[in-house]
Amino acid sequence: MIAPMLIEHEGCSPTIHATAYVAPTATLSGDVRVGPGCRVLFGAVLTAEGGPVELGEGSIVMENAVLRGSRRDPLRLGRQVLVGPTSYLTGCQVEDEVFLATGSRVFNGARIGTRSEVRINGLVHLRTVLPADSVVPIGWVAVGDPLRILPAEDHEGIWAAQKELDFPGYVFGLDRPGRGESLMPGISERFGRALGRHNNDRQI
C-alpha cells in the first residue's frame, strides 16, 4: 500500500483511524485527526496551522480540496459530511450531514448547521452562521449573523454585511487601510512569518 504524505508540524502528527482511507497523493500536516470510515481522496491537503483539523465519522474529502485549521479557529467536520472537489475550508465548524459541493468556500469562524447545503461555487463568508437545513444556491454568497444569502453580483449588499465582519482585523489582526494604502504589506509580513513555522516540519 502506498502511504500518503504525513508531516509532523510543531510537534504534532496526523492520526488516521484504522477504518479510514487516505489517498497516496493526499497531504496531512500537523494535528489532523481523520475519524472512522472517512475518505480523503487524491490531492487533498489537510493542514493544521496552529489549530487542529478534525474529520468526524464517515466524512469524505474529495480531490484537491484544502482544509486548514487556524490557531483562532480550528476546523471541525461532523459526521457524514461531504467536501467536494477543489473546495476550500479554513477555520470553520461544519455540523453533521452537510453537503459542500464542488468549488465551495467556507471562511474563518463560519458555522454551518446540520443538513445544510452549499452548492457548486457557493461561498460562506467569515463569521457567518448558517442555521440547520440552510441552502446556499450555486454561486451565491452567505454572509453574516443574522444570515443573508445573496447573488454574487450584489456587491453592495454583500459589502454592507461583510464590512462589519472585519476580515483584516479578525484574520490578520490588522486595521483596514486608508485610501490609497494596501493591506498586503502587513498581510505578507504576518502571514509569511506564520507560514515560516513549516521550516522545521518533518515527513513521517
C-alpha atoms as a PDB file:
ATOM      1  CA  MET A   1       0.000   0.000   0.000  1.00  0.00           C
ATOM      2  CA  ILE A   2       1.326   3.472  -0.915  1.00  0.00           C
ATOM      3  CA  ALA A   3       1.248   5.806   2.083  1.00  0.00           C
ATOM      4  CA  PRO A   4       0.022   9.409   1.955  1.00  0.00           C
ATOM      5  CA  MET A   5       2.297  12.368   2.725  1.00  0.00           C
ATOM      6  CA  LEU A   6       2.207  12.748   6.514  1.00  0.00           C
ATOM      7  CA  ILE A   7       4.057  15.686   8.070  1.00  0.00           C
ATOM      8  CA  GLU A   8       4.900  16.446  11.690  1.00  0.00           C
ATOM      9  CA  HIS A   9       4.326  20.168  12.288  1.00  0.00           C
ATOM     10  CA  GLU A  10       5.118  21.961  15.549  1.00  0.00           C
ATOM     11  CA  GLY A  11       5.421  18.633  17.360  1.00  0.00           C
ATOM     12  CA  CYS A  12       2.043  17.296  16.179  1.00  0.00           C
ATOM     13  CA  SER A  13       1.467  14.441  13.751  1.00  0.00           C
ATOM     14  CA  PRO A  14      -1.663  13.347  11.847  1.00  0.00           C
ATOM     15  CA  THR A  15      -3.736  10.470  13.186  1.00  0.00           C
ATOM     16  CA  ILE A  16      -5.799   8.271  10.877  1.00  0.00           C
ATOM     17  CA  HIS A  17      -8.375   5.775  12.117  1.00  0.00           C
ATOM     18  CA  ALA A  18      -7.750   2.205  11.014  1.00  0.00           C
ATOM     19  CA  THR A  19     -11.009   2.143   9.044  1.00  0.00           C
ATOM     20  CA  ALA A  20     -10.306   5.395   7.162  1.00  0.00           C
ATOM     21  CA  TYR A  21      -8.722   5.714   3.707  1.00  0.00           C
ATOM     22  CA  VAL A  22      -6.299   8.481   2.782  1.00  0.00           C
ATOM     23  CA  ALA A  23      -5.107   8.532  -0.842  1.00  0.00           C
ATOM     24  CA  PRO A  24      -1.363   8.322  -1.538  1.00  0.00           C
ATOM     25  CA  THR A  25      -1.232  11.817  -3.049  1.00  0.00           C
ATOM     26  CA  ALA A  26      -3.096  13.485  -0.166  1.00  0.00           C
ATOM     27  CA  THR A  27      -1.072  15.593   2.308  1.00  0.00           C
ATOM     28  CA  LEU A  28      -1.815  15.779   6.034  1.00  0.00           C
ATOM     29  CA  SER A  29       0.236  18.220   8.102  1.00  0.00           C
ATOM     30  CA  GLY A  30       0.250  18.647  11.875  1.00  0.00           C
ATOM     31  CA  ASP A  31      -2.661  17.973  14.229  1.00  0.00           C
ATOM     32  CA  VAL A  32      -5.001  16.405  11.683  1.00  0.00           C
ATOM     33  CA  ARG A  33      -7.438  13.784  13.003  1.00  0.00           C
ATOM     34  CA  VAL A  34      -9.184  11.549  10.466  1.00  0.00           C
ATOM     35  CA  GLY A  35     -12.080   9.674  12.049  1.00  0.00           C
ATOM     36  CA  PRO A  36     -13.602   6.223  11.477  1.00  0.00           C
ATOM     37  CA  GLY A  37     -14.735   5.400   7.956  1.00  0.00           C
ATOM     38  CA  CYS A  38     -13.500   8.697   6.481  1.00  0.00           C
ATOM     39  CA  ARG A  39     -12.192   9.021   2.926  1.00  0.00           C
ATOM     40  CA  VAL A  40      -9.600  11.619   1.890  1.00  0.00           C
ATOM     41  CA  LEU A  41      -9.021  11.482  -1.846  1.00  0.00           C
ATOM     42  CA  PHE A  42      -6.241  12.334  -4.268  1.00  0.00           C
ATOM     43  CA  GLY A  43      -4.550  15.713  -3.993  1.00  0.00           C
ATOM     44  CA  ALA A  44      -6.452  16.817  -0.891  1.00  0.00           C
ATOM     45  CA  VAL A  45      -4.494  18.927   1.628  1.00  0.00           C
ATOM     46  CA  LEU A  46      -5.408  18.979   5.328  1.00  0.00           C
ATOM     47  CA  THR A  47      -3.153  21.299   7.296  1.00  0.00           C
ATOM     48  CA  ALA A  48      -3.292  22.306  10.959  1.00  0.00           C
ATOM     49  CA  GLU A  49      -1.857  25.833  11.063  1.00  0.00           C
ATOM     50  CA  GLY A  50      -1.834  26.216  14.843  1.00  0.00           C
ATOM     51  CA  GLY A  51      -5.303  24.680  15.317  1.00  0.00           C
ATOM     52  CA  PRO A  52      -6.473  21.119  14.612  1.00  0.00           C
ATOM     53  CA  VAL A  53      -8.341  19.732  11.627  1.00  0.00           C
ATOM     54  CA  GLU A  54     -10.859  17.055  12.681  1.00  0.00           C
ATOM     55  CA  LEU A  55     -12.976  14.830  10.424  1.00  0.00           C
ATOM     56  CA  GLY A  56     -15.982  13.148  12.020  1.00  0.00           C
ATOM     57  CA  GLU A  57     -17.051   9.586  11.288  1.00  0.00           C
ATOM     58  CA  GLY A  58     -17.874   8.797   7.671  1.00  0.00           C
ATOM     59  CA  SER A  59     -16.871  12.181   6.262  1.00  0.00           C
ATOM     60  CA  ILE A  60     -15.455  12.420   2.733  1.00  0.00           C
ATOM     61  CA  VAL A  61     -12.957  14.958   1.384  1.00  0.00           C
ATOM     62  CA  MET A  62     -12.808  14.830  -2.407  1.00  0.00           C
ATOM     63  CA  GLU A  63      -9.972  15.503  -4.846  1.00  0.00           C
ATOM     64  CA  ASN A  64      -7.855  18.659  -4.436  1.00  0.00           C
ATOM     65  CA  ALA A  65      -9.873  20.100  -1.564  1.00  0.00           C
ATOM     66  CA  VAL A  66      -7.987  22.172   1.041  1.00  0.00           C
ATOM     67  CA  LEU A  67      -8.917  22.140   4.744  1.00  0.00           C
ATOM     68  CA  ARG A  68      -6.989  24.455   7.055  1.00  0.00           C
ATOM     69  CA  GLY A  69      -7.258  24.828  10.828  1.00  0.00           C
ATOM     70  CA  SER A  70      -6.077  28.079  12.398  1.00  0.00           C
ATOM     71  CA  ARG A  71      -4.948  28.972  15.909  1.00  0.00           C
ATOM     72  CA  ARG A  72      -8.054  31.070  16.487  1.00  0.00           C
ATOM     73  CA  ASP A  73     -10.470  28.783  14.647  1.00  0.00           C
ATOM     74  CA  PRO A  74      -9.886  25.024  14.480  1.00  0.00           C
ATOM     75  CA  LEU A  75     -11.568  23.230  11.585  1.00  0.00           C
ATOM     76  CA  ARG A  76     -14.073  20.540  12.517  1.00  0.00           C
ATOM     77  CA  LEU A  77     -16.309  18.423  10.309  1.00  0.00           C
ATOM     78  CA  GLY A  78     -19.156  16.495  11.904  1.00  0.00           C
ATOM     79  CA  ARG A  79     -20.352  13.059  10.869  1.00  0.00           C
ATOM     80  CA  GLN A  80     -21.104  12.170   7.242  1.00  0.00           C
ATOM     81  CA  VAL A  81     -20.029  15.468   5.713  1.00  0.00           C
ATOM     82  CA  LEU A  82     -19.043  15.591   2.041  1.00  0.00           C
ATOM     83  CA  VAL A  83     -16.488  18.193   0.904  1.00  0.00           C
ATOM     84  CA  GLY A  84     -16.491  18.410  -2.903  1.00  0.00           C
ATOM     85  CA  PRO A  85     -13.519  18.613  -5.269  1.00  0.00           C
ATOM     86  CA  THR A  86     -11.445  21.848  -5.170  1.00  0.00           C
ATOM     87  CA  SER A  87     -13.345  23.172  -2.156  1.00  0.00           C
ATOM     88  CA  TYR A  88     -11.526  25.396   0.344  1.00  0.00           C
ATOM     89  CA  LEU A  89     -12.379  25.458   4.054  1.00  0.00           C
ATOM     90  CA  THR A  90     -10.479  27.387   6.693  1.00  0.00           C
ATOM     91  CA  GLY A  91     -11.126  27.653  10.413  1.00  0.00           C
ATOM     92  CA  CYS A  92     -14.814  26.682  10.270  1.00  0.00           C
ATOM     93  CA  GLN A  93     -17.227  24.395  12.093  1.00  0.00           C
ATOM     94  CA  VAL A  94     -19.389  22.093   9.976  1.00  0.00           C
ATOM     95  CA  GLU A  95     -22.089  20.041  11.668  1.00  0.00           C
ATOM     96  CA  ASP A  96     -23.405  16.588  10.673  1.00  0.00           C
ATOM     97  CA  GLU A  97     -24.710  15.585   7.227  1.00  0.00           C
ATOM     98  CA  VAL A  98     -23.624  18.751   5.431  1.00  0.00           C
ATOM     99  CA  PHE A  99     -23.012  18.807   1.664  1.00  0.00           C
ATOM    100  CA  LEU A 100     -20.327  21.211   0.426  1.00  0.00           C
ATOM    101  CA  ALA A 101     -20.353  20.936  -3.358  1.00  0.00           C
ATOM    102  CA  THR A 102     -17.515  21.328  -5.865  1.00  0.00           C
ATOM    103  CA  GLY A 103     -15.679  24.628  -5.507  1.00  0.00           C
ATOM    104  CA  SER A 104     -17.396  25.703  -2.298  1.00  0.00           C
ATOM    105  CA  ARG A 105     -15.578  28.145   0.006  1.00  0.00           C
ATOM    106  CA  VAL A 106     -16.067  28.431   3.782  1.00  0.00           C
ATOM    107  CA  PHE A 107     -14.062  31.003   5.733  1.00  0.00           C
ATOM    108  CA  ASN A 108     -12.751  31.651   9.242  1.00  0.00           C
ATOM    109  CA  GLY A 109     -15.179  31.493  12.115  1.00  0.00           C
ATOM    110  CA  ALA A 110     -18.111  30.319   9.975  1.00  0.00           C
ATOM    111  CA  ARG A 111     -20.550  27.734  11.349  1.00  0.00           C
ATOM    112  CA  ILE A 112     -22.676  25.517   9.120  1.00  0.00           C
ATOM    113  CA  GLY A 113     -25.690  23.803  10.639  1.00  0.00           C
ATOM    114  CA  THR A 114     -26.767  20.185  10.278  1.00  0.00           C
ATOM    115  CA  ARG A 115     -28.053  19.018   6.863  1.00  0.00           C
ATOM    116  CA  SER A 116     -27.159  22.304   5.177  1.00  0.00           C
ATOM    117  CA  GLU A 117     -26.005  22.509   1.560  1.00  0.00           C
ATOM    118  CA  VAL A 118     -23.521  24.865  -0.056  1.00  0.00           C
ATOM    119  CA  ARG A 119     -23.941  24.212  -3.752  1.00  0.00           C
ATOM    120  CA  ILE A 120     -21.382  24.498  -6.578  1.00  0.00           C
ATOM    121  CA  ASN A 121     -19.087  27.520  -6.116  1.00  0.00           C
ATOM    122  CA  GLY A 122     -21.136  28.756  -3.180  1.00  0.00           C
ATOM    123  CA  LEU A 123     -19.341  30.843  -0.551  1.00  0.00           C
ATOM    124  CA  VAL A 124     -19.874  31.120   3.200  1.00  0.00           C
ATOM    125  CA  HIS A 125     -18.147  34.246   4.435  1.00  0.00           C
ATOM    126  CA  LEU A 126     -16.134  34.986   7.540  1.00  0.00           C
ATOM    127  CA  ARG A 127     -18.018  34.524  10.864  1.00  0.00           C
ATOM    128  CA  THR A 128     -21.241  33.654   9.054  1.00  0.00           C
ATOM    129  CA  VAL A 129     -23.746  31.307  10.705  1.00  0.00           C
ATOM    130  CA  LEU A 130     -25.930  29.009   8.597  1.00  0.00           C
ATOM    131  CA  PRO A 131     -28.781  27.503  10.642  1.00  0.00           C
ATOM    132  CA  ALA A 132     -29.649  23.833  10.185  1.00  0.00           C
ATOM    133  CA  ASP A 133     -31.157  22.923   6.780  1.00  0.00           C
ATOM    134  CA  SER A 134     -29.883  26.085   5.036  1.00  0.00           C
ATOM    135  CA  VAL A 135     -29.152  26.108   1.291  1.00  0.00           C
ATOM    136  CA  VAL A 136     -26.660  28.396  -0.460  1.00  0.00           C
ATOM    137  CA  PRO A 137     -27.542  28.277  -4.193  1.00  0.00           C
ATOM    138  CA  ILE A 138     -24.997  27.766  -6.964  1.00  0.00           C
ATOM    139  CA  GLY A 139     -22.516  30.652  -6.957  1.00  0.00           C
ATOM    140  CA  TRP A 140     -24.288  32.621  -4.205  1.00  0.00           C
ATOM    141  CA  VAL A 141     -22.753  34.162  -1.083  1.00  0.00           C
ATOM    142  CA  ALA A 142     -23.859  33.568   2.512  1.00  0.00           C
ATOM    143  CA  VAL A 143     -22.807  36.381   4.805  1.00  0.00           C
ATOM    144  CA  GLY A 144     -23.404  37.487   8.383  1.00  0.00           C
ATOM    145  CA  ASP A 145     -25.262  36.564  11.526  1.00  0.00           C
ATOM    146  CA  PRO A 146     -28.172  37.051  11.142  1.00  0.00           C
ATOM    147  CA  LEU A 147     -27.693  35.366   7.798  1.00  0.00           C
ATOM    148  CA  ARG A 148     -28.146  36.907   4.365  1.00  0.00           C
ATOM    149  CA  ILE A 149     -27.817  34.814   1.197  1.00  0.00           C
ATOM    150  CA  LEU A 150     -27.126  36.979  -1.849  1.00  0.00           C
ATOM    151  CA  PRO A 151     -26.216  36.561  -5.532  1.00  0.00           C
ATOM    152  CA  ALA A 152     -22.539  37.168  -6.237  1.00  0.00           C
ATOM    153  CA  GLU A 153     -23.321  40.235  -8.362  1.00  0.00           C
ATOM    154  CA  ASP A 154     -24.936  42.055  -5.396  1.00  0.00           C
ATOM    155  CA  HIS A 155     -21.640  43.661  -4.410  1.00  0.00           C
ATOM    156  CA  GLU A 156     -23.216  46.439  -2.354  1.00  0.00           C
ATOM    157  CA  GLY A 157     -25.408  44.072  -0.356  1.00  0.00           C
ATOM    158  CA  ILE A 158     -22.517  41.707   0.334  1.00  0.00           C
ATOM    159  CA  TRP A 159     -20.194  44.526   1.353  1.00  0.00           C
ATOM    160  CA  ALA A 160     -22.803  46.049   3.660  1.00  0.00           C
ATOM    161  CA  ALA A 161     -22.837  42.797   5.662  1.00  0.00           C
ATOM    162  CA  GLN A 162     -19.191  41.872   5.137  1.00  0.00           C
ATOM    163  CA  LYS A 163     -17.707  45.172   6.286  1.00  0.00           C
ATOM    164  CA  GLU A 164     -18.858  44.679   9.873  1.00  0.00           C
ATOM    165  CA  LEU A 165     -17.336  41.177   9.949  1.00  0.00           C
ATOM    166  CA  ASP A 166     -13.875  42.823   9.779  1.00  0.00           C
ATOM    167  CA  PHE A 167     -11.881  40.343   7.717  1.00  0.00           C
ATOM    168  CA  PRO A 168      -8.448  42.025   8.146  1.00  0.00           C
ATOM    169  CA  GLY A 169      -8.906  42.501  11.873  1.00  0.00           C
ATOM    170  CA  TYR A 170     -10.339  39.056  12.585  1.00  0.00           C
ATOM    171  CA  VAL A 171      -7.943  37.008  10.451  1.00  0.00           C
ATOM    172  CA  PHE A 172      -4.738  39.066  10.460  1.00  0.00           C
ATOM    173  CA  GLY A 173      -5.091  41.495  13.370  1.00  0.00           C
ATOM    174  CA  LEU A 174      -4.796  44.491  11.033  1.00  0.00           C
ATOM    175  CA  ASP A 175      -6.792  47.703  10.698  1.00  0.00           C
ATOM    176  CA  ARG A 176      -8.349  48.480   7.345  1.00  0.00           C
ATOM    177  CA  PRO A 177      -6.005  50.671   5.310  1.00  0.00           C
ATOM    178  CA  GLY A 178      -6.719  54.267   4.468  1.00  0.00           C
ATOM    179  CA  ARG A 179      -7.457  55.458   0.968  1.00  0.00           C
ATOM    180  CA  GLY A 180      -4.513  54.785  -1.350  1.00  0.00           C
ATOM    181  CA  GLU A 181      -2.961  52.296   1.094  1.00  0.00           C
ATOM    182  CA  SER A 182      -2.831  48.488   0.950  1.00  0.00           C
ATOM    183  CA  LEU A 183      -3.297  45.674   3.429  1.00  0.00           C
ATOM    184  CA  MET A 184      -0.851  43.489   1.555  1.00  0.00           C
ATOM    185  CA  PRO A 185       2.458  44.538   3.182  1.00  0.00           C
ATOM    186  CA  GLY A 186       1.017  43.747   6.625  1.00  0.00           C
ATOM    187  CA  ILE A 187      -0.631  40.526   5.470  1.00  0.00           C
ATOM    188  CA  SER A 188       2.521  39.393   3.679  1.00  0.00           C
ATOM    189  CA  GLU A 189       4.670  40.025   6.754  1.00  0.00           C
ATOM    190  CA  ARG A 190       2.345  38.436   9.330  1.00  0.00           C
ATOM    191  CA  PHE A 191       1.091  35.511   7.268  1.00  0.00           C
ATOM    192  CA  GLY A 192       4.555  34.861   5.868  1.00  0.00           C
ATOM    193  CA  ARG A 193       6.001  34.739   9.384  1.00  0.00           C
ATOM    194  CA  ALA A 194       3.320  32.259  10.476  1.00  0.00           C
ATOM    195  CA  LEU A 195       3.822  30.038   7.447  1.00  0.00           C
ATOM    196  CA  GLY A 196       7.566  30.121   8.080  1.00  0.00           C
ATOM    197  CA  ARG A 197       6.942  27.765  11.001  1.00  0.00           C
ATOM    198  CA  HIS A 198       6.874  24.984   8.380  1.00  0.00           C
ATOM    199  CA  ASN A 199      10.662  25.317   8.087  1.00  0.00           C
ATOM    200  CA  ASN A 200      11.031  22.771  10.869  1.00  0.00           C
ATOM    201  CA  ASP A 201       8.470  20.254   9.590  1.00  0.00           C
ATOM    202  CA  ARG A 202       9.413  16.589   9.316  1.00  0.00           C
ATOM    203  CA  GLN A 203       7.988  13.969   6.967  1.00  0.00           C
ATOM    204  CA  ILE A 204       6.841  10.878   8.857  1.00  0.00           C
END
